[in-house]
Protein backbone atom coordinates (compact mmCIF):
# COMPACT_ATOMS: atom_id res chain seq x y z
CA MET A 1 122.06 80.67 117.07
CA HIS A 2 125.25 82.43 118.12
CA VAL A 3 126.44 85.56 116.32
CA ASP A 4 129.99 86.87 116.53
CA HIS A 5 130.61 90.27 118.04
CA ALA A 6 132.09 92.04 115.00
CA PRO A 7 129.34 91.38 112.41
CA ALA A 8 126.62 92.02 115.00
CA ALA A 9 128.18 95.34 116.01
CA SER A 10 128.56 96.31 112.36
CA ALA A 11 124.88 95.52 111.70
CA VAL A 12 123.73 97.55 114.71
CA LEU A 13 125.87 100.56 113.82
CA ALA A 14 124.66 100.48 110.22
CA SER A 15 121.06 100.17 111.46
CA LEU A 16 121.53 103.21 113.70
CA ASP A 17 122.74 105.13 110.64
CA VAL A 18 119.60 104.05 108.76
CA LEU A 19 117.41 105.09 111.69
CA GLU A 20 119.12 108.47 111.96
CA GLN A 21 118.61 109.04 108.24
CA THR A 22 114.96 108.05 108.59
CA LEU A 23 114.35 110.37 111.53
CA GLY A 24 116.00 113.29 109.77
CA GLY A 25 113.60 113.03 106.82
CA LEU A 26 110.31 112.90 108.73
CA ARG A 27 107.73 115.67 109.05
CA ASP A 28 104.91 115.86 111.58
CA GLU A 29 102.39 114.44 109.11
CA ASP A 30 104.72 111.53 108.24
CA LEU A 31 104.68 110.32 111.82
CA LEU A 32 100.89 109.98 111.61
CA ALA A 33 101.10 107.53 108.69
CA ALA A 34 99.99 103.94 109.18
CA SER A 35 102.67 101.37 110.03
CA ARG A 36 102.79 97.61 109.59
CA CYS A 37 102.19 97.16 113.34
CA ARG A 38 98.51 96.77 114.12
CA GLY A 39 97.26 99.74 116.13
CA TRP A 40 100.38 101.86 115.64
CA THR A 41 101.28 104.80 113.43
CA ALA A 42 104.81 105.28 112.15
CA GLY A 43 105.39 107.60 115.10
CA ASP A 44 104.19 104.95 117.53
CA VAL A 45 106.67 102.45 116.09
CA LEU A 46 109.48 104.97 116.50
CA ALA A 47 108.40 105.68 120.10
CA HIS A 48 108.68 101.93 120.72
CA VAL A 49 112.13 101.91 119.08
CA HIS A 50 113.22 104.80 121.32
CA LEU A 51 112.14 102.87 124.40
CA GLY A 52 114.11 99.92 123.06
CA LEU A 53 117.25 102.00 122.58
CA GLN A 54 116.99 103.14 126.19
CA GLU A 55 116.72 99.51 127.31
CA MET A 56 119.64 98.64 125.06
CA LEU A 57 121.80 101.22 126.84
CA LEU A 58 121.06 99.52 130.17
CA GLY A 59 122.25 96.21 128.73
CA LEU A 60 125.35 97.71 127.17
CA VAL A 61 126.55 98.99 130.56
CA SER A 62 125.80 95.71 132.40
CA PRO A 63 128.83 93.45 131.83
CA THR A 64 128.93 90.15 133.70
CA THR A 65 131.27 87.21 134.10
CA THR A 66 128.35 84.79 134.52
CA GLU A 67 128.27 82.09 131.87
CA PRO A 68 125.22 82.16 129.57
CA ALA A 69 122.82 79.27 130.17
CA ASP A 70 120.93 78.49 126.97
CA SER A 71 120.47 82.08 125.83
CA ASP A 72 121.60 83.12 122.37
CA ALA A 73 120.45 85.48 119.63
CA ALA A 74 117.35 83.38 118.93
CA ALA A 75 116.63 81.97 122.40
CA TYR A 76 116.38 85.53 123.71
CA TRP A 77 113.19 85.98 121.69
CA ARG A 78 111.66 82.83 123.12
CA GLY A 79 112.15 84.33 126.56
CA GLU A 80 110.65 87.61 125.35
CA ALA A 81 107.59 85.80 124.05
CA ALA A 82 107.17 83.89 127.32
CA ALA A 83 107.38 87.16 129.26
CA GLY A 84 104.95 88.92 126.94
CA GLY A 85 101.88 87.82 128.84
CA ASP A 86 98.39 87.33 127.49
CA ALA A 87 96.46 89.27 124.85
CA ALA A 88 95.30 91.85 127.39
CA ALA A 89 98.89 92.59 128.40
CA ARG A 90 99.95 92.97 124.77
CA THR A 91 97.02 95.31 124.10
CA ALA A 92 97.98 97.37 127.14
CA GLN A 93 101.53 97.68 125.79
CA VAL A 94 100.23 98.82 122.40
CA ARG A 95 98.07 101.45 124.11
CA PHE A 96 100.93 102.59 126.35
CA VAL A 97 103.16 103.31 123.37
CA ARG A 98 100.34 105.14 121.57
CA LEU A 99 99.76 107.34 124.61
CA LEU A 100 103.49 107.99 124.95
CA ALA A 101 103.85 109.05 121.32
CA SER A 102 100.75 111.25 121.51
CA ALA A 103 102.13 113.13 124.53
CA TYR A 104 104.50 115.15 122.33
CA ARG A 105 103.11 118.58 121.45
CA ASP A 106 104.37 118.09 117.89
CA PRO A 107 104.92 114.57 116.50
CA THR A 108 108.49 115.45 115.50
CA GLY A 109 109.24 116.15 119.15
CA LEU A 110 109.78 112.41 119.27
CA VAL A 111 112.60 112.79 116.74
CA THR A 112 114.29 115.45 118.86
CA HIS A 113 114.02 113.18 121.89
CA THR A 114 115.30 110.06 120.12
CA LEU A 115 118.42 111.39 118.39
CA PRO A 116 120.54 111.88 121.55
CA THR A 117 119.68 108.36 122.71
CA LEU A 118 120.66 107.01 119.30
CA GLY A 119 123.98 108.84 119.54
CA ALA A 120 124.66 107.44 123.01
CA VAL A 121 123.97 103.89 121.85
CA ARG A 122 126.26 104.34 118.86
CA SER A 123 129.06 105.63 121.10
CA VAL A 124 128.85 102.68 123.50
CA VAL A 125 128.55 100.04 120.76
CA THR A 126 131.59 101.51 119.01
CA THR A 127 133.75 100.99 122.10
CA LEU A 128 132.15 97.79 123.43
CA ALA A 129 134.59 94.93 123.94
CA PRO A 130 133.52 91.33 123.32
CA GLY A 131 132.26 89.64 126.46
CA ARG A 132 128.96 88.94 128.21
CA LEU A 133 126.09 91.19 129.23
CA ALA A 134 123.24 90.75 131.69
CA PHE A 135 119.92 91.83 130.20
CA GLN A 136 116.31 91.28 131.25
CA GLY A 137 117.15 88.25 133.37
CA GLN A 138 119.30 86.62 130.68
CA VAL A 139 123.04 86.49 130.06
CA LEU A 140 124.10 86.96 126.46
CA GLY A 141 127.39 87.14 124.67
CA THR A 142 127.88 90.63 123.26
CA GLY A 143 127.51 89.31 119.71
CA ASP A 144 124.17 87.69 120.52
CA PHE A 145 123.00 90.76 122.45
CA LEU A 146 123.86 93.06 119.55
CA ALA A 147 122.25 90.64 117.09
CA THR A 148 118.92 90.90 118.94
CA TRP A 149 119.01 94.66 118.43
CA ALA A 150 120.08 94.41 114.81
CA CYS A 151 117.02 92.20 114.35
CA GLU A 152 114.76 94.63 116.23
CA LEU A 153 115.96 97.64 114.24
CA ALA A 154 115.65 95.86 110.88
CA VAL A 155 112.10 94.65 111.56
CA HIS A 156 110.89 98.02 112.79
CA GLN A 157 112.54 99.82 109.88
CA LEU A 158 110.24 97.76 107.67
CA ASP A 159 107.31 98.48 109.99
CA VAL A 160 107.73 102.25 109.68
CA GLY A 161 107.75 102.34 105.93
CA PRO A 162 104.64 101.05 104.13
CA GLU A 163 103.27 104.57 103.49
CA LEU A 164 106.54 106.50 103.65
CA ASP A 165 109.66 106.89 101.53
CA VAL A 166 112.21 105.71 104.11
CA PRO A 167 115.51 103.87 103.67
CA ALA A 168 115.57 100.09 103.55
CA PRO A 169 117.04 98.24 106.54
CA ASP A 170 120.75 97.53 106.58
CA PRO A 171 121.31 94.31 104.59
CA GLY A 172 123.43 92.76 107.33
CA ALA A 173 120.77 93.45 109.96
CA LEU A 174 118.11 92.09 107.62
CA ARG A 175 120.06 88.85 107.23
CA ILE A 176 120.33 88.54 111.02
CA ALA A 177 116.58 89.13 111.35
CA ARG A 178 115.91 86.45 108.77
CA ALA A 179 118.27 83.94 110.37
CA THR A 180 116.73 84.61 113.78
CA GLY A 181 113.21 84.10 112.47
CA GLU A 182 114.26 80.88 110.75
CA ALA A 183 115.85 79.62 113.97
CA LEU A 184 112.61 80.31 115.84
CA ASP A 185 110.38 78.72 113.19
CA ALA A 186 112.40 76.28 111.10
CA ALA A 187 109.39 74.92 109.18
CA ARG A 188 108.20 78.34 108.12
CA GLY A 189 111.74 79.43 107.35
CA SER A 190 112.19 76.42 105.08
CA ALA A 191 109.00 77.30 103.22
CA LEU A 192 110.42 80.78 102.63
CA ALA A 193 113.81 79.55 101.42
CA ARG A 194 113.36 81.05 97.94
CA ALA A 195 112.02 84.38 99.20
CA ALA A 196 114.15 87.53 99.26
CA ASP A 197 115.33 88.69 102.69
CA THR A 198 112.77 91.48 103.01
CA ALA A 199 109.82 89.25 102.09
CA ALA A 200 111.05 86.51 104.43
CA VAL A 201 111.48 88.89 107.36
CA LEU A 202 108.04 90.38 106.83
CA ALA A 203 106.54 86.88 106.85
CA LEU A 204 108.55 85.60 109.81
CA TRP A 205 108.13 88.61 112.10
CA ARG A 206 104.48 89.59 111.82
CA HIS A 207 103.17 90.80 115.15
CA PRO A 208 100.23 92.92 116.40
CA GLY A 209 102.36 95.87 117.48
CA GLY A 210 105.64 95.83 119.38
């Protein structure tokens, strides 16, 4: 599943706008609300997203001339799943993020910490030229790399919101998340063919935190 640079960049930038709007509307008590990720509050999900944005920055500044092997916007997630380890490792990651989020004196300290990172990512994506990037042991075209983050941001925007009045994910990012999920699980994607994008993404991307 290859995604062109321009629509992927557009989906990421729109998703960053949605995230910024979400962060700006949250109070301390909102960040303690339950999320759709097992074991995580809304604040925990956003702490995970902040870590992801920091990782994204590392990828954005790692151009390479190496040809991609079989990595694309969907294959990346297969590699992620293979690297995810066993249940104990996943539980440890859930606990790590919870401890990180709880380290802020006030829950909204997380918002203050995340906004500059969000701005830095937006600035680099805006000026990024099409090409290839090295990231987490894989080589991805910039369109595929950006598509993985459009997917990530769309899914976690849904995760934050079951108890909160937050904006919906960007429609373009939601379509990328759906297409990625369908590429990873064609049978399940086919069964969801008549579902709306939000319902399909929620069904295709259920996970126990992270």
